[in-house]
């Protein structure tokens, strides 16, 4: 299996959930209010006064044979392209990571 992590600014949350629905994905985990620091700046997940600038973490466990992975990646690339349109070097709060995943219980 593979674990797909999508870390994005709160403003992308609804767009990504809509993408999951479009693709027929039903199994995922959402963790809202995630903080961190990176190329797009520092985000506090614990300060309620900055809730507009929190991050969201999506986690999807995918089988190796899943037909969804190429579709998910294409859709995420399209979302990114839409938000950097005309500015390909622009950094936006949307990062995607793929890691090995093993169910142990």
PDB file of N, CA and C in Angstrom:
ATOM      1  N   UNK A   1       0.830  -1.184   0.000  1.00  0.00           N
ATOM      2  CA  UNK A   1       0.000   0.000   0.000  1.00  0.00           C
ATOM      3  C   UNK A   1       0.875   1.248   0.000  1.00  0.00           C
ATOM      4  N   UNK A   2       0.256   2.349  -0.332  1.00  0.00           N
ATOM      5  CA  UNK A   2       0.903   3.659  -0.284  1.00  0.00           C
ATOM      6  C   UNK A   2       0.014   4.601   0.519  1.00  0.00           C
ATOM      7  N   UNK A   3       0.648   5.528   1.238  1.00  0.00           N
ATOM      8  CA  UNK A   3      -0.084   6.558   1.967  1.00  0.00           C
ATOM      9  C   UNK A   3       0.160   7.885   1.264  1.00  0.00           C
ATOM     10  N   UNK A   4      -0.912   8.491   0.804  1.00  0.00           N
ATOM     11  CA  UNK A   4      -0.843   9.787   0.151  1.00  0.00           C
ATOM     12  C   UNK A   4      -1.207  10.846   1.183  1.00  0.00           C
ATOM     13  N   UNK A   5      -0.305  11.796   1.393  1.00  0.00           N
ATOM     14  CA  UNK A   5      -0.551  12.919   2.296  1.00  0.00           C
ATOM     15  C   UNK A   5      -0.692  14.174   1.446  1.00  0.00           C
ATOM     16  N   UNK A   6      -1.746  14.905   1.679  1.00  0.00           N
ATOM     17  CA  UNK A   6      -1.952  16.190   1.013  1.00  0.00           C
ATOM     18  C   UNK A   6      -2.021  17.233   2.112  1.00  0.00           C
ATOM     19  N   UNK A   7      -1.075  18.157   2.116  1.00  0.00           N
ATOM     20  CA  UNK A   7      -1.061  19.247   3.080  1.00  0.00           C
ATOM     21  C   UNK A   7      -1.378  20.513   2.302  1.00  0.00           C
ATOM     22  N   UNK A   8      -2.428  21.204   2.739  1.00  0.00           N
ATOM     23  CA  UNK A   8      -2.842  22.382   1.976  1.00  0.00           C
ATOM     24  C   UNK A   8      -3.373  23.462   2.906  1.00  0.00           C
ATOM     25  N   UNK A   9      -3.388  24.683   2.397  1.00  0.00           N
ATOM     26  CA  UNK A   9      -4.009  25.769   3.123  1.00  0.00           C
ATOM     27  C   UNK A   9      -5.506  25.508   3.244  1.00  0.00           C
ATOM     28  N   UNK A  10      -6.104  26.013   4.305  1.00  0.00           N
ATOM     29  CA  UNK A  10      -7.535  25.826   4.569  1.00  0.00           C
ATOM     30  C   UNK A  10      -8.379  26.172   3.349  1.00  0.00           C
ATOM     31  N   UNK A  11      -7.965  27.155   2.577  1.00  0.00           N
ATOM     32  CA  UNK A  11      -8.755  27.607   1.424  1.00  0.00           C
ATOM     33  C   UNK A  11      -8.886  26.537   0.343  1.00  0.00           C
ATOM     34  N   UNK A  12      -8.041  25.510   0.360  1.00  0.00           N
ATOM     35  CA  UNK A  12      -8.103  24.445  -0.632  1.00  0.00           C
ATOM     36  C   UNK A  12      -8.972  23.261  -0.185  1.00  0.00           C
ATOM     37  N   UNK A  13      -9.362  23.246   1.086  1.00  0.00           N
ATOM     38  CA  UNK A  13     -10.038  22.082   1.667  1.00  0.00           C
ATOM     39  C   UNK A  13     -11.295  21.678   0.890  1.00  0.00           C
ATOM     40  N   UNK A  14     -12.199  22.608   0.650  1.00  0.00           N
ATOM     41  CA  UNK A  14     -13.448  22.285  -0.059  1.00  0.00           C
ATOM     42  C   UNK A  14     -13.178  21.817  -1.485  1.00  0.00           C
ATOM     43  N   UNK A  15     -12.220  22.430  -2.135  1.00  0.00           N
ATOM     44  CA  UNK A  15     -11.878  22.071  -3.517  1.00  0.00           C
ATOM     45  C   UNK A  15     -11.345  20.629  -3.585  1.00  0.00           C
ATOM     46  N   UNK A  16     -10.544  20.246  -2.614  1.00  0.00           N
ATOM     47  CA  UNK A  16      -9.984  18.895  -2.597  1.00  0.00           C
ATOM     48  C   UNK A  16     -11.057  17.869  -2.249  1.00  0.00           C
ATOM     49  N   UNK A  17     -11.934  18.190  -1.308  1.00  0.00           N
ATOM     50  CA  UNK A  17     -13.033  17.272  -0.986  1.00  0.00           C
ATOM     51  C   UNK A  17     -13.950  17.099  -2.192  1.00  0.00           C
ATOM     52  N   UNK A  18     -14.217  18.173  -2.917  1.00  0.00           N
ATOM     53  CA  UNK A  18     -15.027  18.077  -4.142  1.00  0.00           C
ATOM     54  C   UNK A  18     -14.342  17.175  -5.171  1.00  0.00           C
ATOM     55  N   UNK A  19     -12.999  17.273  -5.267  1.00  0.00           N
ATOM     56  CA  UNK A  19     -12.251  16.418  -6.180  1.00  0.00           C
ATOM     57  C   UNK A  19     -12.405  14.956  -5.786  1.00  0.00           C
ATOM     58  N   UNK A  20     -12.314  14.658  -4.471  1.00  0.00           N
ATOM     59  CA  UNK A  20     -12.495  13.281  -4.000  1.00  0.00           C
ATOM     60  C   UNK A  20     -13.862  12.757  -4.422  1.00  0.00           C
ATOM     61  N   UNK A  21     -14.901  13.573  -4.245  1.00  0.00           N
ATOM     62  CA  UNK A  21     -16.261  13.162  -4.613  1.00  0.00           C
ATOM     63  C   UNK A  21     -16.355  12.904  -6.110  1.00  0.00           C
ATOM     64  N   UNK A  22     -15.765  13.790  -6.902  1.00  0.00           N
ATOM     65  CA  UNK A  22     -15.757  13.627  -8.366  1.00  0.00           C
ATOM     66  C   UNK A  22     -15.117  12.308  -8.780  1.00  0.00           C
ATOM     67  N   UNK A  23     -14.041  11.944  -8.088  1.00  0.00           N
ATOM     68  CA  UNK A  23     -13.308  10.722  -8.416  1.00  0.00           C
ATOM     69  C   UNK A  23     -13.920   9.473  -7.776  1.00  0.00           C
ATOM     70  N   UNK A  24     -14.917   9.654  -6.925  1.00  0.00           N
ATOM     71  CA  UNK A  24     -15.543   8.520  -6.259  1.00  0.00           C
ATOM     72  C   UNK A  24     -14.753   7.980  -5.084  1.00  0.00           C
ATOM     73  N   UNK A  25     -13.848   8.787  -4.548  1.00  0.00           N
ATOM     74  CA  UNK A  25     -13.056   8.372  -3.378  1.00  0.00           C
ATOM     75  C   UNK A  25     -13.876   8.552  -2.111  1.00  0.00           C
ATOM     76  N   UNK A  26     -14.009   7.480  -1.348  1.00  0.00           N
ATOM     77  CA  UNK A  26     -14.807   7.545  -0.135  1.00  0.00           C
ATOM     78  C   UNK A  26     -13.967   7.389   1.125  1.00  0.00           C
ATOM     79  N   UNK A  27     -12.779   6.825   1.016  1.00  0.00           N
ATOM     80  CA  UNK A  27     -11.957   6.556   2.192  1.00  0.00           C
ATOM     81  C   UNK A  27     -10.789   7.508   2.323  1.00  0.00           C
ATOM     82  N   UNK A  28     -10.912   8.457   3.223  1.00  0.00           N
ATOM     83  CA  UNK A  28      -9.812   9.367   3.499  1.00  0.00           C
ATOM     84  C   UNK A  28      -9.985   9.942   4.892  1.00  0.00           C
ATOM     85  N   UNK A  29      -8.913  10.488   5.434  1.00  0.00           N
ATOM     86  CA  UNK A  29      -8.923  11.140   6.734  1.00  0.00           C
ATOM     87  C   UNK A  29      -8.588  12.607   6.537  1.00  0.00           C
ATOM     88  N   UNK A  30      -9.298  13.478   7.266  1.00  0.00           N
ATOM     89  CA  UNK A  30      -9.047  14.912   7.208  1.00  0.00           C
ATOM     90  C   UNK A  30      -8.688  15.396   8.612  1.00  0.00           C
ATOM     91  N   UNK A  31      -7.582  16.106   8.722  1.00  0.00           N
ATOM     92  CA  UNK A  31      -7.199  16.723   9.984  1.00  0.00           C
ATOM     93  C   UNK A  31      -7.078  18.226   9.719  1.00  0.00           C
ATOM     94  N   UNK A  32      -7.994  18.980  10.288  1.00  0.00           N
ATOM     95  CA  UNK A  32      -7.999  20.435  10.092  1.00  0.00           C
ATOM     96  C   UNK A  32      -7.197  21.116  11.191  1.00  0.00           C
ATOM     97  N   UNK A  33      -6.775  22.346  10.928  1.00  0.00           N
ATOM     98  CA  UNK A  33      -6.066  23.132  11.931  1.00  0.00           C
ATOM     99  C   UNK A  33      -4.629  22.721  12.141  1.00  0.00           C
ATOM    100  N   UNK A  34      -3.998  22.233  11.098  1.00  0.00           N
ATOM    101  CA  UNK A  34      -2.614  21.774  11.186  1.00  0.00           C
ATOM    102  C   UNK A  34      -1.684  22.975  10.990  1.00  0.00           C
ATOM    103  N   UNK A  35      -0.668  23.063  11.807  1.00  0.00           N
ATOM    104  CA  UNK A  35       0.304  24.142  11.691  1.00  0.00           C
ATOM    105  C   UNK A  35       1.614  23.635  11.122  1.00  0.00           C
ATOM    106  N   UNK A  36       2.497  24.566  10.827  1.00  0.00           N
ATOM    107  CA  UNK A  36       3.809  24.192  10.324  1.00  0.00           C
ATOM    108  C   UNK A  36       4.519  25.371   9.708  1.00  0.00           C
ATOM    109  N   UNK A  37       5.659  25.092   9.130  1.00  0.00           N
ATOM    110  CA  UNK A  37       6.455  26.131   8.509  1.00  0.00           C
ATOM    111  C   UNK A  37       7.073  25.574   7.237  1.00  0.00           C
ATOM    112  N   UNK A  38       7.090  26.380   6.197  1.00  0.00           N
ATOM    113  CA  UNK A  38       7.653  25.944   4.922  1.00  0.00           C
ATOM    114  C   UNK A  38       7.866  27.125   4.001  1.00  0.00           C
ATOM    115  N   UNK A  39       7.967  26.840   2.706  1.00  0.00           N
ATOM    116  CA  UNK A  39       8.285  27.878   1.732  1.00  0.00           C
ATOM    117  C   UNK A  39       7.189  28.930   1.596  1.00  0.00           C
ATOM    118  N   UNK A  40       5.960  28.602   1.987  1.00  0.00           N
ATOM    119  CA  UNK A  40       4.883  29.588   1.889  1.00  0.00           C
ATOM    120  C   UNK A  40       4.662  30.341   3.197  1.00  0.00           C
ATOM    121  N   UNK A  41       5.497  30.059   4.196  1.00  0.00           N
ATOM    122  CA  UNK A  41       5.409  30.784   5.457  1.00  0.00           C
ATOM    123  C   UNK A  41       5.126  29.870   6.633  1.00  0.00           C
ATOM    124  N   UNK A  42       4.898  30.505   7.778  1.00  0.00           N
ATOM    125  CA  UNK A  42       4.598  29.776   9.004  1.00  0.00           C
ATOM    126  C   UNK A  42       3.116  29.875   9.285  1.00  0.00           C
ATOM    127  N   UNK A  43       2.530  28.742   9.655  1.00  0.00           N
ATOM    128  CA  UNK A  43       1.108  28.663   9.944  1.00  0.00           C
ATOM    129  C   UNK A  43       0.939  28.078  11.337  1.00  0.00           C
ATOM    130  N   UNK A  44       0.162  28.754  12.165  1.00  0.00           N
ATOM    131  CA  UNK A  44      -0.090  28.254  13.519  1.00  0.00           C
ATOM    132  C   UNK A  44      -1.381  27.460  13.528  1.00  0.00           C
ATOM    133  N   UNK A  45      -1.296  26.213  13.930  1.00  0.00           N
ATOM    134  CA  UNK A  45      -2.494  25.390  14.014  1.00  0.00           C
ATOM    135  C   UNK A  45      -3.222  25.558  15.322  1.00  0.00           C
ATOM    136  N   UNK A  46      -2.620  26.238  16.297  1.00  0.00           N
ATOM    137  CA  UNK A  46      -3.215  26.319  17.627  1.00  0.00           C
ATOM    138  C   UNK A  46      -3.798  27.685  17.958  1.00  0.00           C
ATOM    139  N   UNK A  47      -3.616  28.676  17.113  1.00  0.00           N
ATOM    140  CA  UNK A  47      -4.106  30.019  17.396  1.00  0.00           C
ATOM    141  C   UNK A  47      -5.435  30.248  16.687  1.00  0.00           C
ATOM    142  N   UNK A  48      -6.569  30.254  17.422  1.00  0.00           N
ATOM    143  CA  UNK A  48      -7.873  30.401  16.779  1.00  0.00           C
ATOM    144  C   UNK A  48      -8.058  31.727  16.053  1.00  0.00           C
ATOM    145  N   UNK A  49      -7.302  32.745  16.414  1.00  0.00           N
ATOM    146  CA  UNK A  49      -7.441  34.040  15.746  1.00  0.00           C
ATOM    147  C   UNK A  49      -6.890  34.010  14.326  1.00  0.00           C
ATOM    148  N   UNK A  50      -6.136  32.948  13.984  1.00  0.00           N
ATOM    149  CA  UNK A  50      -5.571  32.835  12.635  1.00  0.00           C
ATOM    150  C   UNK A  50      -6.156  31.633  11.894  1.00  0.00           C
ATOM    151  N   UNK A  51      -7.420  31.290  12.193  1.00  0.00           N
ATOM    152  CA  UNK A  51      -8.014  30.098  11.587  1.00  0.00           C
ATOM    153  C   UNK A  51      -8.072  30.176  10.066  1.00  0.00           C
ATOM    154  N   UNK A  52      -8.066  31.393   9.521  1.00  0.00           N
ATOM    155  CA  UNK A  52      -8.071  31.533   8.071  1.00  0.00           C
ATOM    156  C   UNK A  52      -6.732  31.104   7.461  1.00  0.00           C
ATOM    157  N   UNK A  53      -5.696  31.037   8.278  1.00  0.00           N
ATOM    158  CA  UNK A  53      -4.388  30.684   7.735  1.00  0.00           C
ATOM    159  C   UNK A  53      -3.871  29.366   8.327  1.00  0.00           C
ATOM    160  N   UNK A  54      -4.783  28.446   8.607  1.00  0.00           N
ATOM    161  CA  UNK A  54      -4.346  27.130   9.062  1.00  0.00           C
ATOM    162  C   UNK A  54      -4.219  26.209   7.862  1.00  0.00           C
ATOM    163  N   UNK A  55      -3.632  25.075   8.099  1.00  0.00           N
ATOM    164  CA  UNK A  55      -3.503  24.062   7.060  1.00  0.00           C
ATOM    165  C   UNK A  55      -4.439  22.896   7.345  1.00  0.00           C
ATOM    166  N   UNK A  56      -4.657  22.101   6.331  1.00  0.00           N
ATOM    167  CA  UNK A  56      -5.441  20.876   6.432  1.00  0.00           C
ATOM    168  C   UNK A  56      -4.580  19.737   5.922  1.00  0.00           C
ATOM    169  N   UNK A  57      -4.655  18.595   6.596  1.00  0.00           N
ATOM    170  CA  UNK A  57      -3.937  17.399   6.184  1.00  0.00           C
ATOM    171  C   UNK A  57      -4.948  16.338   5.778  1.00  0.00           C
ATOM    172  N   UNK A  58      -4.827  15.844   4.557  1.00  0.00           N
ATOM    173  CA  UNK A  58      -5.624  14.718   4.072  1.00  0.00           C
ATOM    174  C   UNK A  58      -4.711  13.506   4.013  1.00  0.00           C
ATOM    175  N   UNK A  59      -5.215  12.361   4.422  1.00  0.00           N
ATOM    176  CA  UNK A  59      -4.456  11.111   4.343  1.00  0.00           C
ATOM    177  C   UNK A  59      -5.314  10.079   3.628  1.00  0.00           C
ATOM    178  N   UNK A  60      -4.725   9.433   2.615  1.00  0.00           N
ATOM    179  CA  UNK A  60      -5.422   8.400   1.855  1.00  0.00           C
ATOM    180  C   UNK A  60      -4.526   7.175   1.754  1.00  0.00           C
ATOM    181  N   UNK A  61      -5.005   6.038   2.230  1.00  0.00           N
ATOM    182  CA  UNK A  61      -4.278   4.774   2.088  1.00  0.00           C
ATOM    183  C   UNK A  61      -4.756   4.138   0.790  1.00  0.00           C
ATOM    184  N   UNK A  62      -3.815   3.874  -0.109  1.00  0.00           N
ATOM    185  CA  UNK A  62      -4.159   3.374  -1.443  1.00  0.00           C
ATOM    186  C   UNK A  62      -3.463   2.045  -1.703  1.00  0.00           C
ATOM    187  N   UNK A  63      -4.197   1.096  -2.296  1.00  0.00           N
ATOM    188  CA  UNK A  63      -3.596  -0.165  -2.728  1.00  0.00           C
ATOM    189  C   UNK A  63      -2.624   0.111  -3.863  1.00  0.00           C
ATOM    190  N   UNK A  64      -1.623  -0.753  -3.992  1.00  0.00           N
ATOM    191  CA  UNK A  64      -0.662  -0.600  -5.094  1.00  0.00           C
ATOM    192  C   UNK A  64      -1.362  -0.623  -6.444  1.00  0.00           C
ATOM    193  N   UNK A  65      -2.402  -1.417  -6.549  1.00  0.00           N
ATOM    194  CA  UNK A  65      -3.081  -1.587  -7.833  1.00  0.00           C
ATOM    195  C   UNK A  65      -4.175  -0.551  -8.068  1.00  0.00           C
ATOM    196  N   UNK A  66      -4.299   0.416  -7.172  1.00  0.00           N
ATOM    197  CA  UNK A  66      -5.409   1.355  -7.292  1.00  0.00           C
ATOM    198  C   UNK A  66      -5.375   2.108  -8.614  1.00  0.00           C
ATOM    199  N   UNK A  67      -6.558   2.283  -9.163  1.00  0.00           N
ATOM    200  CA  UNK A  67      -6.657   3.081 -10.387  1.00  0.00           C
ATOM    201  C   UNK A  67      -6.757   4.562 -10.058  1.00  0.00           C
ATOM    202  N   UNK A  68      -6.909   4.864  -8.759  1.00  0.00           N
ATOM    203  CA  UNK A  68      -7.134   6.249  -8.363  1.00  0.00           C
ATOM    204  C   UNK A  68      -5.877   7.107  -8.374  1.00  0.00           C
ATOM    205  N   UNK A  69      -4.717   6.545  -8.063  1.00  0.00           N
ATOM    206  CA  UNK A  69      -3.524   7.366  -7.884  1.00  0.00           C
ATOM    207  C   UNK A  69      -3.225   8.268  -9.087  1.00  0.00           C
ATOM    208  N   UNK A  70      -3.177   7.761 -10.305  1.00  0.00           N
ATOM    209  CA  UNK A  70      -2.924   8.670 -11.433  1.00  0.00           C
ATOM    210  C   UNK A  70      -4.001   9.747 -11.565  1.00  0.00           C
ATOM    211  N   UNK A  71      -5.256   9.379 -11.301  1.00  0.00           N
ATOM    212  CA  UNK A  71      -6.351  10.349 -11.394  1.00  0.00           C
ATOM    213  C   UNK A  71      -6.242  11.412 -10.302  1.00  0.00           C
ATOM    214  N   UNK A  72      -5.900  10.982  -9.091  1.00  0.00           N
ATOM    215  CA  UNK A  72      -5.747  11.925  -7.980  1.00  0.00           C
ATOM    216  C   UNK A  72      -4.617  12.904  -8.277  1.00  0.00           C
ATOM    217  N   UNK A  73      -3.480  12.370  -8.722  1.00  0.00           N
ATOM    218  CA  UNK A  73      -2.332  13.239  -9.005  1.00  0.00           C
ATOM    219  C   UNK A  73      -2.631  14.210 -10.141  1.00  0.00           C
ATOM    220  N   UNK A  74      -3.322  13.750 -11.170  1.00  0.00           N
ATOM    221  CA  UNK A  74      -3.688  14.638 -12.277  1.00  0.00           C
ATOM    222  C   UNK A  74      -4.626  15.741 -11.786  1.00  0.00           C
ATOM    223  N   UNK A  75      -5.584  15.384 -10.944  1.00  0.00           N
ATOM    224  CA  UNK A  75      -6.522  16.379 -10.420  1.00  0.00           C
ATOM    225  C   UNK A  75      -5.814  17.384  -9.514  1.00  0.00           C
ATOM    226  N   UNK A  76      -4.890  16.912  -8.679  1.00  0.00           N
ATOM    227  CA  UNK A  76      -4.142  17.821  -7.809  1.00  0.00           C
ATOM    228  C   UNK A  76      -3.239  18.749  -8.623  1.00  0.00           C
ATOM    229  N   UNK A  77      -2.632  18.227  -9.675  1.00  0.00           N
ATOM    230  CA  UNK A  77      -1.809  19.072 -10.548  1.00  0.00           C
ATOM    231  C   UNK A  77      -2.670  20.136 -11.229  1.00  0.00           C
ATOM    232  N   UNK A  78      -3.901  19.773 -11.582  1.00  0.00           N
ATOM    233  CA  UNK A  78      -4.812  20.737 -12.208  1.00  0.00           C
ATOM    234  C   UNK A  78      -5.208  21.836 -11.210  1.00  0.00           C
ATOM    235  N   UNK A  79      -5.456  21.446  -9.956  1.00  0.00           N
ATOM    236  CA  UNK A  79      -5.777  22.437  -8.923  1.00  0.00           C
ATOM    237  C   UNK A  79      -4.603  23.392  -8.747  1.00  0.00           C
ATOM    238  N   UNK A  80      -3.405  22.829  -8.664  1.00  0.00           N
ATOM    239  CA  UNK A  80      -2.218  23.675  -8.510  1.00  0.00           C
ATOM    240  C   UNK A  80      -2.060  24.616  -9.705  1.00  0.00           C
ATOM    241  N   UNK A  81      -2.206  24.075 -10.903  1.00  0.00           N
ATOM    242  CA  UNK A  81      -2.051  24.885 -12.122  1.00  0.00           C
ATOM    243  C   UNK A  81      -3.049  26.045 -12.144  1.00  0.00           C
ATOM    244  N   UNK A  82      -4.258  25.778 -11.693  1.00  0.00           N
ATOM    245  CA  UNK A  82      -5.284  26.820 -11.666  1.00  0.00           C
ATOM    246  C   UNK A  82      -4.882  27.968 -10.737  1.00  0.00           C
ATOM    247  N   UNK A  83      -4.256  27.631  -9.619  1.00  0.00           N
ATOM    248  CA  UNK A  83      -3.912  28.647  -8.627  1.00  0.00           C
ATOM    249  C   UNK A  83      -2.580  29.347  -8.896  1.00  0.00           C
ATOM    250  N   UNK A  84      -1.770  28.805  -9.776  1.00  0.00           N
ATOM    251  CA  UNK A  84      -0.508  29.479 -10.133  1.00  0.00           C
ATOM    252  C   UNK A  84      -0.545  30.003 -11.561  1.00  0.00           C
ATOM    253  N   UNK A  85      -1.707  29.993 -12.148  1.00  0.00           N
ATOM    254  CA  UNK A  85      -1.879  30.378 -13.551  1.00  0.00           C
ATOM    255  C   UNK A  85      -1.123  31.672 -13.869  1.00  0.00           C
ATOM    256  N   UNK A  86      -0.253  31.568 -14.843  1.00  0.00           N
ATOM    257  CA  UNK A  86       0.536  32.720 -15.263  1.00  0.00           C
ATOM    258  C   UNK A  86       1.755  32.995 -14.397  1.00  0.00           C
ATOM    259  N   UNK A  87       1.909  32.253 -13.309  1.00  0.00           N
ATOM    260  CA  UNK A  87       3.036  32.438 -12.395  1.00  0.00           C
ATOM    261  C   UNK A  87       3.568  31.059 -11.993  1.00  0.00           C
ATOM    262  N   UNK A  88       4.192  30.320 -12.903  1.00  0.00           N
ATOM    263  CA  UNK A  88       4.584  28.936 -12.616  1.00  0.00           C
ATOM    264  C   UNK A  88       5.578  28.776 -11.466  1.00  0.00           C
ATOM    265  N   UNK A  89       6.284  29.846 -11.103  1.00  0.00           N
ATOM    266  CA  UNK A  89       7.240  29.761  -9.996  1.00  0.00           C
ATOM    267  C   UNK A  89       6.603  30.091  -8.650  1.00  0.00           C
ATOM    268  N   UNK A  90       5.325  30.452  -8.655  1.00  0.00           N
ATOM    269  CA  UNK A  90       4.633  30.829  -7.417  1.00  0.00           C
ATOM    270  C   UNK A  90       4.472  29.607  -6.515  1.00  0.00           C
ATOM    271  N   UNK A  91       4.802  29.793  -5.249  1.00  0.00           N
ATOM    272  CA  UNK A  91       4.592  28.740  -4.253  1.00  0.00           C
ATOM    273  C   UNK A  91       3.218  28.934  -3.635  1.00  0.00           C
ATOM    274  N   UNK A  92       2.449  27.867  -3.571  1.00  0.00           N
ATOM    275  CA  UNK A  92       1.146  27.926  -2.921  1.00  0.00           C
ATOM    276  C   UNK A  92       1.118  26.859  -1.829  1.00  0.00           C
ATOM    277  N   UNK A  93       0.256  27.016  -0.835  1.00  0.00           N
ATOM    278  CA  UNK A  93       0.212  26.042   0.251  1.00  0.00           C
ATOM    279  C   UNK A  93      -0.510  24.762  -0.167  1.00  0.00           C
ATOM    280  N   UNK A  94       0.155  23.980  -0.997  1.00  0.00           N
ATOM    281  CA  UNK A  94      -0.367  22.704  -1.464  1.00  0.00           C
ATOM    282  C   UNK A  94       0.821  21.790  -1.757  1.00  0.00           C
ATOM    283  N   UNK A  95       1.007  20.809  -0.902  1.00  0.00           N
ATOM    284  CA  UNK A  95       2.106  19.847  -1.068  1.00  0.00           C
ATOM    285  C   UNK A  95       1.528  18.440  -0.982  1.00  0.00           C
ATOM    286  N   UNK A  96       2.110  17.532  -1.757  1.00  0.00           N
ATOM    287  CA  UNK A  96       1.624  16.152  -1.815  1.00  0.00           C
ATOM    288  C   UNK A  96       2.822  15.217  -1.627  1.00  0.00           C
ATOM    289  N   UNK A  97       2.636  14.228  -0.749  1.00  0.00           N
ATOM    290  CA  UNK A  97       3.699  13.276  -0.434  1.00  0.00           C
ATOM    291  C   UNK A  97       3.148  11.863  -0.565  1.00  0.00           C
ATOM    292  N   UNK A  98       3.973  10.951  -1.044  1.00  0.00           N
ATOM    293  CA  UNK A  98       3.585   9.548  -1.186  1.00  0.00           C
ATOM    294  C   UNK A  98       4.626   8.692  -0.458  1.00  0.00           C
ATOM    295  N   UNK A  99       4.136   7.852   0.459  1.00  0.00           N
ATOM    296  CA  UNK A  99       5.036   7.024   1.259  1.00  0.00           C
ATOM    297  C   UNK A  99       4.535   5.588   1.309  1.00  0.00           C
ATOM    298  N   UNK A 100       5.421   4.643   1.563  1.00  0.00           N
ATOM    299  CA  UNK A 100       4.966   3.260   1.775  1.00  0.00           C
ATOM    300  C   UNK A 100       4.046   3.196   2.994  1.00  0.00           C
ATOM    301  N   UNK A 101       3.124   2.275   2.970  1.00  0.00           N
ATOM    302  CA  UNK A 101       2.157   2.150   4.057  1.00  0.00           C
ATOM    303  C   UNK A 101       1.859   0.668   4.276  1.00  0.00           C
ATOM    304  N   UNK A 102       1.847   0.253   5.522  1.00  0.00           N
ATOM    305  CA  UNK A 102       1.553  -1.143   5.855  1.00  0.00           C
ATOM    306  C   UNK A 102       0.532  -1.186   6.976  1.00  0.00           C
ATOM    307  N   UNK A 103      -0.543  -1.906   6.792  1.00  0.00           N
ATOM    308  CA  UNK A 103      -1.536  -2.091   7.856  1.00  0.00           C
ATOM    309  C   UNK A 103      -0.981  -3.138   8.808  1.00  0.00           C
ATOM    310  N   UNK A 104      -0.890  -2.777  10.095  1.00  0.00           N
ATOM    311  CA  UNK A 104      -0.341  -3.739  11.064  1.00  0.00           C
ATOM    312  C   UNK A 104      -1.393  -4.223  12.049  1.00  0.00           C
ATOM    313  N   UNK A 105      -2.531  -3.570  12.128  1.00  0.00           N
ATOM    314  CA  UNK A 105      -3.645  -4.044  12.963  1.00  0.00           C
ATOM    315  C   UNK A 105      -4.924  -3.902  12.169  1.00  0.00           C
TER     316      UNK A 105
END
